[in-house]
Amino acid sequence: MVIYTQLSKESLHEMPAASFPGAIHVIDSTAQLPAAVGFLSRQKRVGIDSETRPSFQKGKLNKVALLQISTLDECFLFRLGRIENAGLLVRFLEDRRVEKIGLSLKDDSLTLHRRYDFTPGGWVDLQDLVGAFQIQERSLQKIYGLLFNERISKRQRLSNWEAEELSPAQQAYAALDAYACLRIYNRLHELRSSGDYVIKEVTLPEPAPRAVEEPAANLA
């Protein structure tokens, strides 16, 4: 596999859209936690991310609204503002036995600390791993694009994560981000184990310019 160290916006735009291929479960009550956390606790590693309702008022910070945790085929969306007693979930976040793979986890940890007092356990930040492959990109979009030649849409990023109901588009977006983190980790682990890759210290080549169609001849 050829690994390019950078990815242009133009190349990213030309890639096909990525999607989460599994089942999505919305968790919005304490009663749903035992089954969801029980399932996740049996995994070796999971992908993790969070979403916060954007604030357009200077100085105002909203609490994190959604925590998404994903395997390769199951994603759980925890609506934190709806869960009255999140003790089971907090203990899972501290559990060192399950690796939690994310990107910029320092930011996620800070936002989660506005809700819960906890010590992260088993957290693995992808930004600490990509350097070994000389990947210079730091965004999830571009890292995923470099490794899988697919584009993660960010259209839902600034949507209302405290809405009464999460739209199908919001659910798909949130699940994909957590899933993508896990998939990136797995790919990097496979490449590191096999050594079957070549690093190109250049930007992924620009897409070829599209041919301009000549106007049809007037045969009238």
N, C-alpha and C. Protein backbone atom coordinates (compact mmCIF):
# COMPACT_ATOMS: atom_id res chain seq x y z
N MET A 1 0.84 -1.20 0.00
CA MET A 1 0.00 0.00 0.00
C MET A 1 0.88 1.24 0.00
N VAL A 2 0.50 2.22 -0.81
CA VAL A 2 1.20 3.49 -0.84
C VAL A 2 0.52 4.45 0.14
N ILE A 3 1.28 5.02 1.06
CA ILE A 3 0.74 5.99 2.01
C ILE A 3 1.31 7.36 1.68
N TYR A 4 0.44 8.26 1.26
CA TYR A 4 0.86 9.63 1.01
C TYR A 4 0.81 10.40 2.34
N THR A 5 1.69 11.36 2.49
CA THR A 5 1.79 12.05 3.76
C THR A 5 0.82 13.22 3.89
N GLN A 6 0.27 13.67 2.77
CA GLN A 6 -0.68 14.77 2.79
C GLN A 6 -1.79 14.51 1.77
N LEU A 7 -2.89 15.24 1.96
CA LEU A 7 -4.04 15.10 1.07
C LEU A 7 -4.61 16.48 0.77
N SER A 8 -4.75 16.80 -0.50
CA SER A 8 -5.29 18.10 -0.89
C SER A 8 -6.81 18.11 -0.73
N LYS A 9 -7.37 19.29 -0.55
CA LYS A 9 -8.82 19.43 -0.45
C LYS A 9 -9.49 18.97 -1.73
N GLU A 10 -8.85 19.22 -2.87
CA GLU A 10 -9.43 18.85 -4.15
C GLU A 10 -9.52 17.32 -4.27
N SER A 11 -8.46 16.64 -3.86
CA SER A 11 -8.47 15.18 -3.93
C SER A 11 -9.52 14.60 -2.99
N LEU A 12 -9.62 15.19 -1.79
CA LEU A 12 -10.62 14.73 -0.82
C LEU A 12 -12.03 14.89 -1.38
N HIS A 13 -12.29 16.02 -2.01
CA HIS A 13 -13.61 16.30 -2.56
C HIS A 13 -14.01 15.30 -3.63
N GLU A 14 -13.03 14.77 -4.37
CA GLU A 14 -13.32 13.85 -5.47
C GLU A 14 -13.57 12.42 -4.98
N MET A 15 -13.30 12.13 -3.74
CA MET A 15 -13.45 10.76 -3.24
C MET A 15 -14.91 10.41 -3.01
N PRO A 16 -15.27 9.15 -3.14
CA PRO A 16 -16.65 8.73 -2.85
C PRO A 16 -16.96 8.88 -1.37
N ALA A 17 -18.22 9.10 -1.04
CA ALA A 17 -18.63 9.31 0.34
C ALA A 17 -18.52 8.02 1.15
N ALA A 18 -18.01 8.14 2.37
CA ALA A 18 -17.94 7.00 3.29
C ALA A 18 -19.27 6.88 4.03
N SER A 19 -19.52 5.71 4.58
CA SER A 19 -20.73 5.51 5.37
C SER A 19 -20.48 4.44 6.42
N PHE A 20 -21.27 4.49 7.49
CA PHE A 20 -21.17 3.47 8.53
C PHE A 20 -22.00 2.27 8.11
N PRO A 21 -21.42 1.06 8.05
CA PRO A 21 -22.14 -0.08 7.50
C PRO A 21 -22.96 -0.88 8.50
N GLY A 22 -22.94 -0.50 9.78
CA GLY A 22 -23.58 -1.33 10.79
C GLY A 22 -24.88 -0.79 11.35
N ALA A 23 -25.25 -1.30 12.52
CA ALA A 23 -26.48 -0.90 13.20
C ALA A 23 -26.20 0.23 14.17
N ILE A 24 -27.14 1.17 14.28
CA ILE A 24 -27.01 2.33 15.17
C ILE A 24 -28.06 2.23 16.27
N HIS A 25 -27.64 2.40 17.51
CA HIS A 25 -28.53 2.32 18.66
C HIS A 25 -28.48 3.64 19.42
N VAL A 26 -29.61 4.29 19.56
CA VAL A 26 -29.69 5.54 20.32
C VAL A 26 -30.03 5.20 21.77
N ILE A 27 -29.17 5.62 22.68
CA ILE A 27 -29.34 5.35 24.11
C ILE A 27 -29.69 6.67 24.80
N ASP A 28 -30.93 6.77 25.29
CA ASP A 28 -31.35 8.04 25.89
C ASP A 28 -32.01 7.85 27.26
N SER A 29 -31.72 6.74 27.92
CA SER A 29 -32.25 6.54 29.27
C SER A 29 -31.29 5.67 30.07
N THR A 30 -31.35 5.80 31.39
CA THR A 30 -30.50 5.00 32.27
C THR A 30 -30.81 3.51 32.11
N ALA A 31 -32.08 3.18 31.86
CA ALA A 31 -32.48 1.78 31.74
C ALA A 31 -31.79 1.07 30.58
N GLN A 32 -31.36 1.81 29.57
CA GLN A 32 -30.73 1.19 28.41
C GLN A 32 -29.24 0.96 28.59
N LEU A 33 -28.66 1.53 29.65
CA LEU A 33 -27.21 1.46 29.83
C LEU A 33 -26.67 0.05 30.05
N PRO A 34 -27.26 -0.78 30.92
CA PRO A 34 -26.65 -2.09 31.19
C PRO A 34 -26.38 -2.92 29.94
N ALA A 35 -27.34 -3.01 29.05
CA ALA A 35 -27.15 -3.82 27.84
C ALA A 35 -26.09 -3.21 26.93
N ALA A 36 -26.15 -1.88 26.74
CA ALA A 36 -25.21 -1.21 25.84
C ALA A 36 -23.78 -1.27 26.38
N VAL A 37 -23.61 -0.89 27.64
CA VAL A 37 -22.28 -0.87 28.24
C VAL A 37 -21.75 -2.30 28.40
N GLY A 38 -22.64 -3.24 28.70
CA GLY A 38 -22.24 -4.63 28.81
C GLY A 38 -21.65 -5.14 27.51
N PHE A 39 -22.30 -4.81 26.40
CA PHE A 39 -21.79 -5.22 25.09
C PHE A 39 -20.43 -4.60 24.82
N LEU A 40 -20.31 -3.30 25.05
CA LEU A 40 -19.06 -2.60 24.77
C LEU A 40 -17.93 -3.08 25.67
N SER A 41 -18.25 -3.46 26.89
CA SER A 41 -17.22 -3.91 27.83
C SER A 41 -16.61 -5.25 27.43
N ARG A 42 -17.28 -5.97 26.54
CA ARG A 42 -16.76 -7.26 26.09
C ARG A 42 -15.85 -7.12 24.86
N GLN A 43 -15.67 -5.90 24.39
CA GLN A 43 -14.84 -5.67 23.21
C GLN A 43 -13.38 -5.43 23.60
N LYS A 44 -12.48 -5.72 22.68
CA LYS A 44 -11.06 -5.44 22.92
C LYS A 44 -10.77 -3.96 22.73
N ARG A 45 -11.41 -3.37 21.71
CA ARG A 45 -11.24 -1.94 21.46
C ARG A 45 -12.46 -1.41 20.74
N VAL A 46 -12.69 -0.11 20.87
CA VAL A 46 -13.82 0.56 20.24
C VAL A 46 -13.38 1.93 19.73
N GLY A 47 -14.16 2.48 18.82
CA GLY A 47 -13.93 3.86 18.39
C GLY A 47 -14.81 4.79 19.22
N ILE A 48 -14.33 6.00 19.46
CA ILE A 48 -15.06 6.92 20.34
C ILE A 48 -14.97 8.35 19.81
N ASP A 49 -16.05 9.10 19.99
CA ASP A 49 -16.10 10.51 19.60
C ASP A 49 -17.23 11.16 20.36
N SER A 50 -17.34 12.47 20.30
CA SER A 50 -18.42 13.17 20.99
C SER A 50 -18.88 14.36 20.16
N GLU A 51 -20.08 14.82 20.45
CA GLU A 51 -20.66 15.97 19.74
C GLU A 51 -21.26 16.94 20.76
N THR A 52 -21.08 18.21 20.51
CA THR A 52 -21.62 19.27 21.37
C THR A 52 -22.40 20.25 20.52
N ARG A 53 -23.54 20.66 21.03
CA ARG A 53 -24.33 21.66 20.30
C ARG A 53 -23.50 22.92 20.13
N PRO A 54 -23.35 23.42 18.92
CA PRO A 54 -22.53 24.62 18.71
C PRO A 54 -23.16 25.84 19.37
N SER A 55 -22.30 26.69 19.87
CA SER A 55 -22.76 27.94 20.47
C SER A 55 -22.27 29.10 19.62
N PHE A 56 -23.19 29.95 19.24
CA PHE A 56 -22.83 31.10 18.42
C PHE A 56 -22.82 32.38 19.25
N GLN A 57 -22.80 32.19 20.57
CA GLN A 57 -22.74 33.32 21.50
C GLN A 57 -21.37 33.34 22.18
N LYS A 58 -20.68 34.43 22.08
CA LYS A 58 -19.32 34.53 22.61
C LYS A 58 -19.31 34.25 24.12
N GLY A 59 -18.39 33.36 24.51
CA GLY A 59 -18.23 33.05 25.93
C GLY A 59 -19.14 31.96 26.45
N LYS A 60 -20.09 31.49 25.65
CA LYS A 60 -21.01 30.45 26.10
C LYS A 60 -20.54 29.09 25.60
N LEU A 61 -20.40 28.14 26.51
CA LEU A 61 -20.01 26.79 26.16
C LEU A 61 -21.10 25.81 26.56
N ASN A 62 -21.58 25.04 25.62
CA ASN A 62 -22.57 24.02 25.92
C ASN A 62 -21.89 22.74 26.40
N LYS A 63 -22.62 21.97 27.20
CA LYS A 63 -22.09 20.69 27.64
C LYS A 63 -22.18 19.69 26.49
N VAL A 64 -21.28 18.72 26.50
CA VAL A 64 -21.30 17.68 25.47
C VAL A 64 -22.66 17.00 25.49
N ALA A 65 -23.24 16.84 24.32
CA ALA A 65 -24.60 16.29 24.21
C ALA A 65 -24.61 14.82 23.84
N LEU A 66 -23.63 14.39 23.06
CA LEU A 66 -23.66 13.03 22.52
C LEU A 66 -22.28 12.39 22.63
N LEU A 67 -22.27 11.15 23.07
CA LEU A 67 -21.05 10.34 23.08
C LEU A 67 -21.32 9.13 22.21
N GLN A 68 -20.53 8.96 21.17
CA GLN A 68 -20.73 7.82 20.29
C GLN A 68 -19.56 6.85 20.46
N ILE A 69 -19.91 5.57 20.63
CA ILE A 69 -18.92 4.51 20.83
C ILE A 69 -19.26 3.38 19.87
N SER A 70 -18.27 2.95 19.09
CA SER A 70 -18.58 2.04 17.98
C SER A 70 -17.61 0.86 17.89
N THR A 71 -18.16 -0.29 17.51
CA THR A 71 -17.37 -1.40 17.01
C THR A 71 -17.42 -1.28 15.48
N LEU A 72 -16.98 -2.32 14.79
CA LEU A 72 -17.02 -2.26 13.33
C LEU A 72 -18.43 -2.45 12.78
N ASP A 73 -19.35 -2.96 13.61
CA ASP A 73 -20.71 -3.19 13.09
C ASP A 73 -21.83 -2.79 14.04
N GLU A 74 -21.49 -2.19 15.18
CA GLU A 74 -22.51 -1.70 16.11
C GLU A 74 -22.05 -0.36 16.68
N CYS A 75 -22.92 0.65 16.61
CA CYS A 75 -22.58 1.94 17.20
C CYS A 75 -23.66 2.38 18.17
N PHE A 76 -23.24 2.85 19.34
CA PHE A 76 -24.16 3.30 20.38
C PHE A 76 -24.02 4.81 20.54
N LEU A 77 -25.13 5.51 20.41
CA LEU A 77 -25.15 6.97 20.55
C LEU A 77 -25.78 7.29 21.91
N PHE A 78 -24.95 7.74 22.84
CA PHE A 78 -25.42 8.04 24.19
C PHE A 78 -25.80 9.53 24.27
N ARG A 79 -27.08 9.80 24.47
CA ARG A 79 -27.56 11.17 24.59
C ARG A 79 -27.42 11.59 26.05
N LEU A 80 -26.29 12.19 26.37
CA LEU A 80 -25.88 12.38 27.75
C LEU A 80 -26.84 13.27 28.54
N GLY A 81 -27.46 14.23 27.88
CA GLY A 81 -28.40 15.10 28.57
C GLY A 81 -29.68 14.42 28.98
N ARG A 82 -29.95 13.24 28.42
CA ARG A 82 -31.18 12.50 28.70
C ARG A 82 -30.97 11.38 29.74
N ILE A 83 -29.70 11.06 30.01
CA ILE A 83 -29.39 9.94 30.91
C ILE A 83 -29.16 10.48 32.32
N GLU A 84 -30.06 10.14 33.23
CA GLU A 84 -30.01 10.70 34.58
C GLU A 84 -28.86 10.15 35.42
N ASN A 85 -28.60 8.87 35.31
CA ASN A 85 -27.53 8.25 36.07
C ASN A 85 -26.60 7.52 35.12
N ALA A 86 -25.46 8.13 34.82
CA ALA A 86 -24.54 7.58 33.82
C ALA A 86 -23.37 6.85 34.46
N GLY A 87 -23.55 6.38 35.69
CA GLY A 87 -22.46 5.73 36.41
C GLY A 87 -21.82 4.58 35.64
N LEU A 88 -22.64 3.71 35.03
CA LEU A 88 -22.11 2.59 34.27
C LEU A 88 -21.24 3.06 33.10
N LEU A 89 -21.71 4.10 32.42
CA LEU A 89 -20.98 4.63 31.28
C LEU A 89 -19.66 5.25 31.73
N VAL A 90 -19.69 5.99 32.82
CA VAL A 90 -18.48 6.62 33.34
C VAL A 90 -17.45 5.56 33.72
N ARG A 91 -17.90 4.49 34.34
CA ARG A 91 -16.96 3.42 34.71
C ARG A 91 -16.36 2.76 33.47
N PHE A 92 -17.16 2.68 32.41
CA PHE A 92 -16.62 2.15 31.16
C PHE A 92 -15.52 3.06 30.61
N LEU A 93 -15.73 4.36 30.69
CA LEU A 93 -14.73 5.31 30.20
C LEU A 93 -13.43 5.22 30.98
N GLU A 94 -13.50 4.70 32.19
CA GLU A 94 -12.31 4.54 33.02
C GLU A 94 -11.68 3.15 32.90
N ASP A 95 -12.38 2.23 32.27
CA ASP A 95 -11.95 0.84 32.20
C ASP A 95 -10.75 0.69 31.25
N ARG A 96 -9.59 0.34 31.79
CA ARG A 96 -8.38 0.21 30.99
C ARG A 96 -8.36 -1.06 30.14
N ARG A 97 -9.27 -1.98 30.40
CA ARG A 97 -9.26 -3.24 29.65
C ARG A 97 -9.76 -3.08 28.23
N VAL A 98 -10.53 -2.03 27.97
CA VAL A 98 -11.05 -1.78 26.63
C VAL A 98 -10.37 -0.53 26.07
N GLU A 99 -9.66 -0.69 24.96
CA GLU A 99 -9.03 0.47 24.32
C GLU A 99 -10.10 1.31 23.64
N LYS A 100 -10.00 2.62 23.83
CA LYS A 100 -10.96 3.55 23.23
C LYS A 100 -10.17 4.43 22.26
N ILE A 101 -10.42 4.23 20.98
CA ILE A 101 -9.65 4.87 19.93
C ILE A 101 -10.37 6.13 19.45
N GLY A 102 -9.67 7.25 19.47
CA GLY A 102 -10.27 8.49 19.01
C GLY A 102 -9.24 9.43 18.43
N LEU A 103 -9.69 10.60 18.08
CA LEU A 103 -8.81 11.63 17.51
C LEU A 103 -8.98 12.91 18.32
N SER A 104 -7.87 13.53 18.68
CA SER A 104 -7.91 14.72 19.55
C SER A 104 -8.67 14.42 20.84
N LEU A 105 -8.31 13.34 21.48
CA LEU A 105 -9.03 12.89 22.67
C LEU A 105 -8.90 13.86 23.84
N LYS A 106 -7.88 14.67 23.82
CA LYS A 106 -7.76 15.67 24.89
C LYS A 106 -8.97 16.59 24.88
N ASP A 107 -9.43 16.97 23.68
CA ASP A 107 -10.60 17.84 23.58
C ASP A 107 -11.86 17.11 24.06
N ASP A 108 -12.02 15.85 23.66
CA ASP A 108 -13.19 15.08 24.10
C ASP A 108 -13.18 14.91 25.62
N SER A 109 -12.01 14.67 26.18
CA SER A 109 -11.91 14.50 27.62
C SER A 109 -12.30 15.78 28.36
N LEU A 110 -11.85 16.91 27.84
CA LEU A 110 -12.19 18.19 28.48
C LEU A 110 -13.69 18.45 28.46
N THR A 111 -14.33 18.18 27.33
CA THR A 111 -15.77 18.43 27.25
C THR A 111 -16.55 17.45 28.14
N LEU A 112 -16.11 16.20 28.18
CA LEU A 112 -16.79 15.22 29.03
C LEU A 112 -16.62 15.54 30.51
N HIS A 113 -15.50 16.16 30.87
CA HIS A 113 -15.28 16.53 32.26
C HIS A 113 -16.22 17.64 32.73
N ARG A 114 -16.86 18.31 31.79
CA ARG A 114 -17.85 19.31 32.20
C ARG A 114 -19.12 18.62 32.69
N ARG A 115 -19.26 17.34 32.39
CA ARG A 115 -20.41 16.56 32.87
C ARG A 115 -20.04 15.59 33.98
N TYR A 116 -18.88 14.94 33.84
CA TYR A 116 -18.54 13.85 34.76
C TYR A 116 -17.12 14.03 35.29
N ASP A 117 -16.94 13.61 36.53
CA ASP A 117 -15.60 13.56 37.12
C ASP A 117 -15.07 12.14 36.93
N PHE A 118 -14.10 11.97 36.07
CA PHE A 118 -13.60 10.63 35.79
C PHE A 118 -12.15 10.70 35.32
N THR A 119 -11.48 9.55 35.36
CA THR A 119 -10.11 9.43 34.87
C THR A 119 -10.11 8.52 33.64
N PRO A 120 -9.82 9.04 32.46
CA PRO A 120 -9.86 8.22 31.25
C PRO A 120 -8.95 7.00 31.37
N GLY A 121 -9.47 5.86 30.93
CA GLY A 121 -8.69 4.62 30.95
C GLY A 121 -8.69 3.94 29.60
N GLY A 122 -7.52 3.58 29.12
CA GLY A 122 -7.43 2.89 27.84
C GLY A 122 -7.65 3.77 26.63
N TRP A 123 -7.47 5.06 26.77
CA TRP A 123 -7.72 5.98 25.65
C TRP A 123 -6.48 6.04 24.75
N VAL A 124 -6.69 5.89 23.45
CA VAL A 124 -5.60 5.91 22.46
C VAL A 124 -5.91 6.97 21.42
N ASP A 125 -5.02 7.95 21.29
CA ASP A 125 -5.24 9.05 20.35
C ASP A 125 -4.53 8.76 19.03
N LEU A 126 -5.28 8.76 17.94
CA LEU A 126 -4.72 8.47 16.62
C LEU A 126 -3.64 9.48 16.23
N GLN A 127 -3.72 10.68 16.74
CA GLN A 127 -2.71 11.68 16.39
C GLN A 127 -1.34 11.30 16.93
N ASP A 128 -1.31 10.41 17.93
CA ASP A 128 -0.03 9.92 18.44
C ASP A 128 0.52 8.76 17.61
N LEU A 129 -0.30 8.21 16.70
CA LEU A 129 0.11 7.04 15.93
C LEU A 129 0.48 7.35 14.48
N VAL A 130 -0.18 8.35 13.89
CA VAL A 130 0.02 8.58 12.46
C VAL A 130 1.43 9.08 12.14
N GLY A 131 2.09 9.68 13.13
CA GLY A 131 3.44 10.18 12.90
C GLY A 131 4.41 9.10 12.50
N ALA A 132 4.21 7.87 12.99
CA ALA A 132 5.09 6.76 12.64
C ALA A 132 5.02 6.44 11.15
N PHE A 133 3.95 6.87 10.49
CA PHE A 133 3.78 6.65 9.05
C PHE A 133 4.04 7.95 8.27
N GLN A 134 4.56 8.95 8.98
CA GLN A 134 4.91 10.26 8.39
C GLN A 134 3.70 10.98 7.82
N ILE A 135 2.49 10.59 8.25
CA ILE A 135 1.29 11.29 7.82
C ILE A 135 1.24 12.64 8.52
N GLN A 136 1.16 13.70 7.74
CA GLN A 136 1.20 15.04 8.30
C GLN A 136 -0.19 15.59 8.62
N GLU A 137 -1.21 14.98 8.08
CA GLU A 137 -2.58 15.44 8.32
C GLU A 137 -2.99 15.10 9.75
N ARG A 138 -3.86 15.93 10.33
CA ARG A 138 -4.33 15.72 11.69
C ARG A 138 -5.84 15.64 11.80
N SER A 139 -6.55 15.86 10.72
CA SER A 139 -8.01 15.78 10.76
C SER A 139 -8.46 14.37 10.43
N LEU A 140 -9.60 13.98 11.02
CA LEU A 140 -10.15 12.65 10.76
C LEU A 140 -10.46 12.48 9.28
N GLN A 141 -11.02 13.52 8.68
CA GLN A 141 -11.39 13.48 7.27
C GLN A 141 -10.20 13.09 6.39
N LYS A 142 -9.10 13.79 6.59
CA LYS A 142 -7.96 13.59 5.69
C LYS A 142 -7.20 12.30 5.99
N ILE A 143 -7.08 11.94 7.26
CA ILE A 143 -6.42 10.68 7.57
C ILE A 143 -7.21 9.52 6.98
N TYR A 144 -8.53 9.56 7.14
CA TYR A 144 -9.38 8.50 6.61
C TYR A 144 -9.28 8.48 5.08
N GLY A 145 -9.26 9.65 4.48
CA GLY A 145 -9.15 9.73 3.03
C GLY A 145 -7.85 9.13 2.52
N LEU A 146 -6.75 9.41 3.20
CA LEU A 146 -5.46 8.87 2.79
C LEU A 146 -5.42 7.34 2.86
N LEU A 147 -6.05 6.79 3.89
CA LEU A 147 -5.96 5.34 4.12
C LEU A 147 -7.03 4.53 3.38
N PHE A 148 -8.19 5.16 3.13
CA PHE A 148 -9.30 4.39 2.55
C PHE A 148 -9.86 4.98 1.26
N ASN A 149 -9.33 6.12 0.84
CA ASN A 149 -9.80 6.75 -0.40
C ASN A 149 -11.30 7.00 -0.37
N GLU A 150 -11.82 7.39 0.80
CA GLU A 150 -13.22 7.74 0.96
C GLU A 150 -13.32 9.06 1.73
N ARG A 151 -14.42 9.77 1.50
CA ARG A 151 -14.59 11.09 2.10
C ARG A 151 -15.67 11.06 3.19
N ILE A 152 -15.32 11.57 4.37
CA ILE A 152 -16.28 11.71 5.46
C ILE A 152 -16.91 13.09 5.37
N SER A 153 -18.21 13.13 5.17
CA SER A 153 -18.91 14.41 5.10
C SER A 153 -19.00 15.04 6.48
N LYS A 154 -18.83 16.35 6.55
CA LYS A 154 -18.92 17.07 7.84
C LYS A 154 -20.15 17.97 7.88
N ARG A 155 -21.14 17.70 7.04
CA ARG A 155 -22.30 18.59 6.93
C ARG A 155 -23.09 18.70 8.23
N GLN A 156 -23.11 17.65 9.02
CA GLN A 156 -23.93 17.65 10.24
C GLN A 156 -23.18 18.16 11.47
N ARG A 157 -21.92 18.51 11.32
CA ARG A 157 -21.09 18.85 12.48
C ARG A 157 -21.69 19.98 13.32
N LEU A 158 -22.24 20.99 12.69
CA LEU A 158 -22.77 22.15 13.41
C LEU A 158 -24.29 22.07 13.58
N SER A 159 -24.84 20.90 13.50
CA SER A 159 -26.29 20.74 13.70
C SER A 159 -26.62 20.72 15.19
N ASN A 160 -27.88 20.71 15.52
CA ASN A 160 -28.32 20.76 16.92
C ASN A 160 -28.30 19.37 17.54
N TRP A 161 -27.28 19.09 18.33
CA TRP A 161 -27.14 17.77 18.95
C TRP A 161 -28.00 17.61 20.19
N GLU A 162 -28.73 18.65 20.56
CA GLU A 162 -29.68 18.57 21.67
C GLU A 162 -31.12 18.54 21.18
N ALA A 163 -31.29 18.30 19.90
CA ALA A 163 -32.63 18.27 19.31
C ALA A 163 -33.49 17.20 19.97
N GLU A 164 -34.81 17.38 19.91
CA GLU A 164 -35.72 16.41 20.51
C GLU A 164 -35.46 15.01 19.96
N GLU A 165 -35.27 14.92 18.66
CA GLU A 165 -34.93 13.65 18.01
C GLU A 165 -33.72 13.88 17.10
N LEU A 166 -32.78 12.95 17.13
CA LEU A 166 -31.67 13.04 16.20
C LEU A 166 -32.13 12.54 14.84
N SER A 167 -31.85 13.31 13.81
CA SER A 167 -32.25 12.93 12.46
C SER A 167 -31.42 11.74 11.99
N PRO A 168 -31.92 11.00 10.99
CA PRO A 168 -31.11 9.91 10.43
C PRO A 168 -29.74 10.39 9.95
N ALA A 169 -29.69 11.61 9.40
CA ALA A 169 -28.40 12.14 8.94
C ALA A 169 -27.46 12.39 10.11
N GLN A 170 -27.97 12.91 11.22
CA GLN A 170 -27.14 13.12 12.41
C GLN A 170 -26.63 11.79 12.96
N GLN A 171 -27.50 10.81 13.02
CA GLN A 171 -27.10 9.50 13.54
C GLN A 171 -26.01 8.89 12.67
N ALA A 172 -26.19 8.97 11.36
CA ALA A 172 -25.21 8.39 10.44
C ALA A 172 -23.86 9.10 10.56
N TYR A 173 -23.91 10.42 10.69
CA TYR A 173 -22.67 11.20 10.83
C TYR A 173 -21.93 10.83 12.10
N ALA A 174 -22.65 10.80 13.22
CA ALA A 174 -22.03 10.51 14.51
C ALA A 174 -21.44 9.11 14.53
N ALA A 175 -22.19 8.13 14.02
CA ALA A 175 -21.70 6.76 14.00
C ALA A 175 -20.45 6.62 13.14
N LEU A 176 -20.44 7.29 12.01
CA LEU A 176 -19.31 7.19 11.09
C LEU A 176 -18.02 7.71 11.73
N ASP A 177 -18.11 8.81 12.46
CA ASP A 177 -16.90 9.37 13.07
C ASP A 177 -16.26 8.39 14.05
N ALA A 178 -17.06 7.76 14.90
CA ALA A 178 -16.50 6.81 15.87
C ALA A 178 -15.98 5.56 15.16
N TYR A 179 -16.75 5.06 14.20
CA TYR A 179 -16.34 3.89 13.41
C TYR A 179 -15.04 4.16 12.66
N ALA A 180 -14.92 5.35 12.09
CA ALA A 180 -13.73 5.69 11.31
C ALA A 180 -12.48 5.66 12.18
N CYS A 181 -12.60 6.10 13.42
CA CYS A 181 -11.44 6.07 14.32
C CYS A 181 -10.95 4.64 14.54
N LEU A 182 -11.88 3.74 14.77
CA LEU A 182 -11.52 2.34 14.98
C LEU A 182 -10.94 1.73 13.71
N ARG A 183 -11.54 2.04 12.58
CA ARG A 183 -11.06 1.47 11.31
C ARG A 183 -9.65 1.98 10.98
N ILE A 184 -9.38 3.25 11.25
CA ILE A 184 -8.04 3.80 11.03
C ILE A 184 -7.03 3.06 11.91
N TYR A 185 -7.36 2.89 13.18
CA TYR A 185 -6.45 2.19 14.09
C TYR A 185 -6.15 0.78 13.57
N ASN A 186 -7.18 0.07 13.17
CA ASN A 186 -6.99 -1.30 12.68
C ASN A 186 -6.10 -1.33 11.44
N ARG A 187 -6.30 -0.39 10.53
CA ARG A 187 -5.49 -0.35 9.31
C ARG A 187 -4.02 -0.05 9.66
N LEU A 188 -3.79 0.91 10.53
CA LEU A 188 -2.42 1.23 10.92
C LEU A 188 -1.75 0.04 11.60
N HIS A 189 -2.51 -0.65 12.44
CA HIS A 189 -1.97 -1.82 13.14
C HIS A 189 -1.61 -2.92 12.13
N GLU A 190 -2.47 -3.15 11.14
CA GLU A 190 -2.21 -4.16 10.12
C GLU A 190 -0.96 -3.80 9.31
N LEU A 191 -0.84 -2.53 8.93
CA LEU A 191 0.31 -2.11 8.13
C LEU A 191 1.60 -2.22 8.93
N ARG A 192 1.54 -1.83 10.19
CA ARG A 192 2.74 -1.90 11.04
C ARG A 192 3.17 -3.35 11.23
N SER A 193 2.19 -4.25 11.37
CA SER A 193 2.51 -5.67 11.58
C SER A 193 3.07 -6.32 10.32
N SER A 194 2.52 -5.96 9.16
CA SER A 194 2.94 -6.60 7.91
C SER A 194 4.13 -5.90 7.26
N GLY A 195 4.26 -4.60 7.49
CA GLY A 195 5.30 -3.83 6.83
C GLY A 195 5.04 -3.64 5.35
N ASP A 196 3.82 -3.97 4.93
CA ASP A 196 3.47 -3.93 3.51
C ASP A 196 2.97 -2.55 3.10
N TYR A 197 3.83 -1.58 3.14
CA TYR A 197 3.46 -0.22 2.73
C TYR A 197 4.70 0.55 2.31
N VAL A 198 4.46 1.56 1.50
CA VAL A 198 5.51 2.47 1.04
C VAL A 198 5.03 3.89 1.31
N ILE A 199 5.87 4.71 1.91
CA ILE A 199 5.50 6.09 2.23
C ILE A 199 5.96 7.02 1.11
N LYS A 200 5.04 7.82 0.62
CA LYS A 200 5.35 8.84 -0.38
C LYS A 200 5.26 10.19 0.31
N GLU A 201 6.37 10.85 0.49
CA GLU A 201 6.39 12.11 1.22
C GLU A 201 5.96 13.27 0.33
N VAL A 202 4.77 13.12 -0.24
CA VAL A 202 4.20 14.15 -1.10
C VAL A 202 2.69 14.16 -0.89
N THR A 203 2.04 15.17 -1.42
CA THR A 203 0.59 15.24 -1.36
C THR A 203 -0.02 14.26 -2.35
N LEU A 204 -1.11 13.60 -1.94
CA LEU A 204 -1.81 12.71 -2.84
C LEU A 204 -2.10 13.46 -4.14
N PRO A 205 -1.74 12.89 -5.28
CA PRO A 205 -1.88 13.60 -6.56
C PRO A 205 -3.27 14.19 -6.77
N GLU A 206 -3.28 15.33 -7.40
CA GLU A 206 -4.55 15.97 -7.72
C GLU A 206 -5.33 15.12 -8.70
N PRO A 207 -6.66 15.13 -8.61
CA PRO A 207 -7.45 14.39 -9.60
C PRO A 207 -7.25 14.96 -10.98
N ALA A 208 -7.31 14.09 -11.98
CA ALA A 208 -7.14 14.55 -13.35
C ALA A 208 -8.26 15.52 -13.71
N PRO A 209 -7.95 16.58 -14.46
CA PRO A 209 -9.00 17.53 -14.85
C PRO A 209 -10.07 16.86 -15.70
N ARG A 210 -11.30 17.23 -15.44
CA ARG A 210 -12.40 16.64 -16.20
C ARG A 210 -12.40 17.18 -17.62
N ALA A 211 -12.70 16.28 -18.55
CA ALA A 211 -12.73 16.69 -19.95
C ALA A 211 -13.90 17.63 -20.18
N VAL A 212 -13.66 18.64 -20.97
CA VAL A 212 -14.70 19.60 -21.31
C VAL A 212 -15.38 19.14 -22.60
N GLU A 213 -16.69 18.88 -22.50
CA GLU A 213 -17.39 18.40 -23.68
C GLU A 213 -17.58 19.52 -24.70
N GLU A 214 -17.26 19.18 -25.95
CA GLU A 214 -17.46 20.14 -27.02
C GLU A 214 -18.94 20.22 -27.34
N PRO A 215 -19.46 21.40 -27.64
CA PRO A 215 -20.87 21.51 -28.02
C PRO A 215 -21.16 20.69 -29.27
N ALA A 216 -22.33 20.06 -29.27
CA ALA A 216 -22.69 19.24 -30.41
C ALA A 216 -22.81 20.09 -31.67
N ALA A 217 -22.39 19.49 -32.76
CA ALA A 217 -22.47 20.23 -34.03
C ALA A 217 -23.92 20.44 -34.42
N ASN A 218 -24.20 21.57 -35.02
CA ASN A 218 -25.55 21.87 -35.49
C ASN A 218 -25.77 21.19 -36.83
N LEU A 219 -26.56 20.12 -36.80
CA LEU A 219 -26.78 19.35 -38.02
C LEU A 219 -28.03 19.78 -38.76
N ALA A 220 -28.67 20.82 -38.27
CA ALA A 220 -29.91 21.24 -38.90
C ALA A 220 -29.63 21.80 -40.29
